[in-house]
Amino acid sequence: MLREFTDNAGTPWRVWDVTPDAHSLTARPKADAAASPYPALEFAAGWLCFESDLGKRRLAPIPADWETCEVARLTEYCARAGFASRPTPGNDPPQIQT
């Protein structure tokens, strides 16, 4: 699911959940474990990705109410999320389906 909201500072954000599949977590050889695509074990069960022109942020674990909560709560989650990176061209989030 993809949600869009504007925080208290007027910054528009997109947020979506990222859930790694079981194969990507177990199929790597042990020698490759240090090169994990997840920045920390806390992200192994998934995370919320927040993206704006300011950059990307990640929040783990995924809050149970993120899909239905009020914008104020989503803004709090975004503020708690850790900085991940600046947006890169071609790395677009899922699209809202109409």
Protein backbone atom coordinates (compact mmCIF):
# COMPACT_ATOMS: atom_id res chain seq x y z
CA MET A 1 0.00 0.00 0.00
CA LEU A 2 1.12 3.57 -0.69
CA ARG A 3 0.00 6.63 1.25
CA GLU A 4 0.73 10.28 0.65
CA PHE A 5 0.59 13.00 3.28
CA THR A 6 1.95 16.46 4.06
CA ASP A 7 3.76 17.00 7.35
CA ASN A 8 3.47 20.03 9.64
CA ALA A 9 6.30 21.81 7.81
CA GLY A 10 4.43 21.51 4.49
CA THR A 11 6.64 18.75 3.07
CA PRO A 12 4.77 16.19 0.96
CA TRP A 13 5.73 12.59 1.73
CA ARG A 14 5.00 9.17 0.25
CA VAL A 15 5.13 6.17 2.54
CA TRP A 16 4.92 2.46 1.78
CA ASP A 17 5.79 -0.80 3.48
CA VAL A 18 8.74 -2.93 2.46
CA THR A 19 8.66 -6.59 3.40
CA PRO A 20 11.60 -8.77 2.34
CA ASP A 21 10.71 -12.22 1.11
CA ALA A 22 11.87 -15.28 3.02
CA HIS A 23 14.09 -16.43 0.13
CA SER A 24 16.20 -13.28 0.22
CA LEU A 25 16.81 -13.78 3.94
CA THR A 26 17.80 -17.45 3.84
CA ALA A 27 19.32 -18.08 0.42
CA ARG A 28 22.56 -16.12 0.94
CA PRO A 29 25.70 -18.09 1.72
CA LYS A 30 27.04 -17.45 5.25
CA ALA A 31 30.12 -15.73 3.80
CA ASP A 32 27.79 -13.23 2.15
CA ALA A 33 25.95 -12.41 5.38
CA ALA A 34 28.10 -9.33 5.97
CA ALA A 35 26.90 -7.96 2.62
CA SER A 36 23.26 -8.11 3.69
CA PRO A 37 20.93 -5.76 1.80
CA TYR A 38 19.35 -4.81 5.14
CA PRO A 39 21.13 -2.12 7.14
CA ALA A 40 20.41 -3.88 10.46
CA LEU A 41 18.69 -6.98 11.73
CA GLU A 42 15.80 -4.84 12.96
CA PHE A 43 14.84 -4.33 9.29
CA ALA A 44 14.73 -8.06 8.47
CA ALA A 45 10.99 -8.25 9.18
CA GLY A 46 10.26 -5.18 7.07
CA TRP A 47 10.06 -1.41 7.41
CA LEU A 48 8.16 1.67 6.33
CA CYS A 49 9.88 3.75 3.69
CA PHE A 50 9.16 7.49 3.78
CA GLU A 51 10.24 9.51 0.74
CA SER A 52 10.16 13.22 -0.05
CA ASP A 53 12.36 15.73 -1.84
CA LEU A 54 14.32 15.85 1.43
CA GLY A 55 15.33 12.18 1.17
CA LYS A 56 14.30 8.74 2.37
CA ARG A 57 13.71 7.48 5.87
CA ARG A 58 13.10 4.00 7.28
CA LEU A 59 11.07 2.96 10.29
CA ALA A 60 11.07 -0.53 11.79
CA PRO A 61 9.17 -2.37 12.92
CA ILE A 62 6.16 -1.49 10.78
CA PRO A 63 3.46 0.06 13.00
CA ALA A 64 0.25 -1.99 12.82
CA ASP A 65 -1.94 1.06 12.20
CA TRP A 66 0.11 2.86 9.54
CA GLU A 67 -2.35 2.15 6.70
CA THR A 68 -5.33 3.71 8.52
CA CYS A 69 -3.94 6.13 11.11
CA GLU A 70 -4.47 9.89 11.04
CA VAL A 71 -1.94 12.12 9.27
CA ALA A 72 -0.71 13.41 12.64
CA ARG A 73 0.31 9.87 13.65
CA LEU A 74 1.93 9.26 10.24
CA THR A 75 3.89 12.49 10.71
CA GLU A 76 5.09 11.20 14.10
CA TYR A 77 6.21 7.93 12.52
CA CYS A 78 8.08 9.87 9.85
CA ALA A 79 9.81 12.01 12.47
CA ARG A 80 10.93 8.83 14.33
CA ALA A 81 12.23 7.17 11.15
CA GLY A 82 15.96 7.07 10.55
CA PHE A 83 17.54 8.83 7.58
CA ALA A 84 18.25 6.37 4.76
CA SER A 85 19.35 8.30 1.66
CA ARG A 86 18.63 11.04 -0.83
CA PRO A 87 16.17 10.08 -3.57
CA THR A 88 17.74 8.74 -6.73
CA PRO A 89 16.28 8.93 -10.24
CA GLY A 90 14.63 5.70 -11.34
CA ASN A 91 14.13 4.48 -7.77
CA ASP A 92 10.43 5.30 -7.66
CA PRO A 93 8.01 3.99 -5.02
CA PRO A 94 4.92 1.98 -5.88
CA GLN A 95 2.24 3.95 -7.71
CA ILE A 96 -1.20 4.67 -6.33
CA GLN A 97 -3.71 2.59 -8.24
CA THR A 98 -6.90 4.35 -9.19
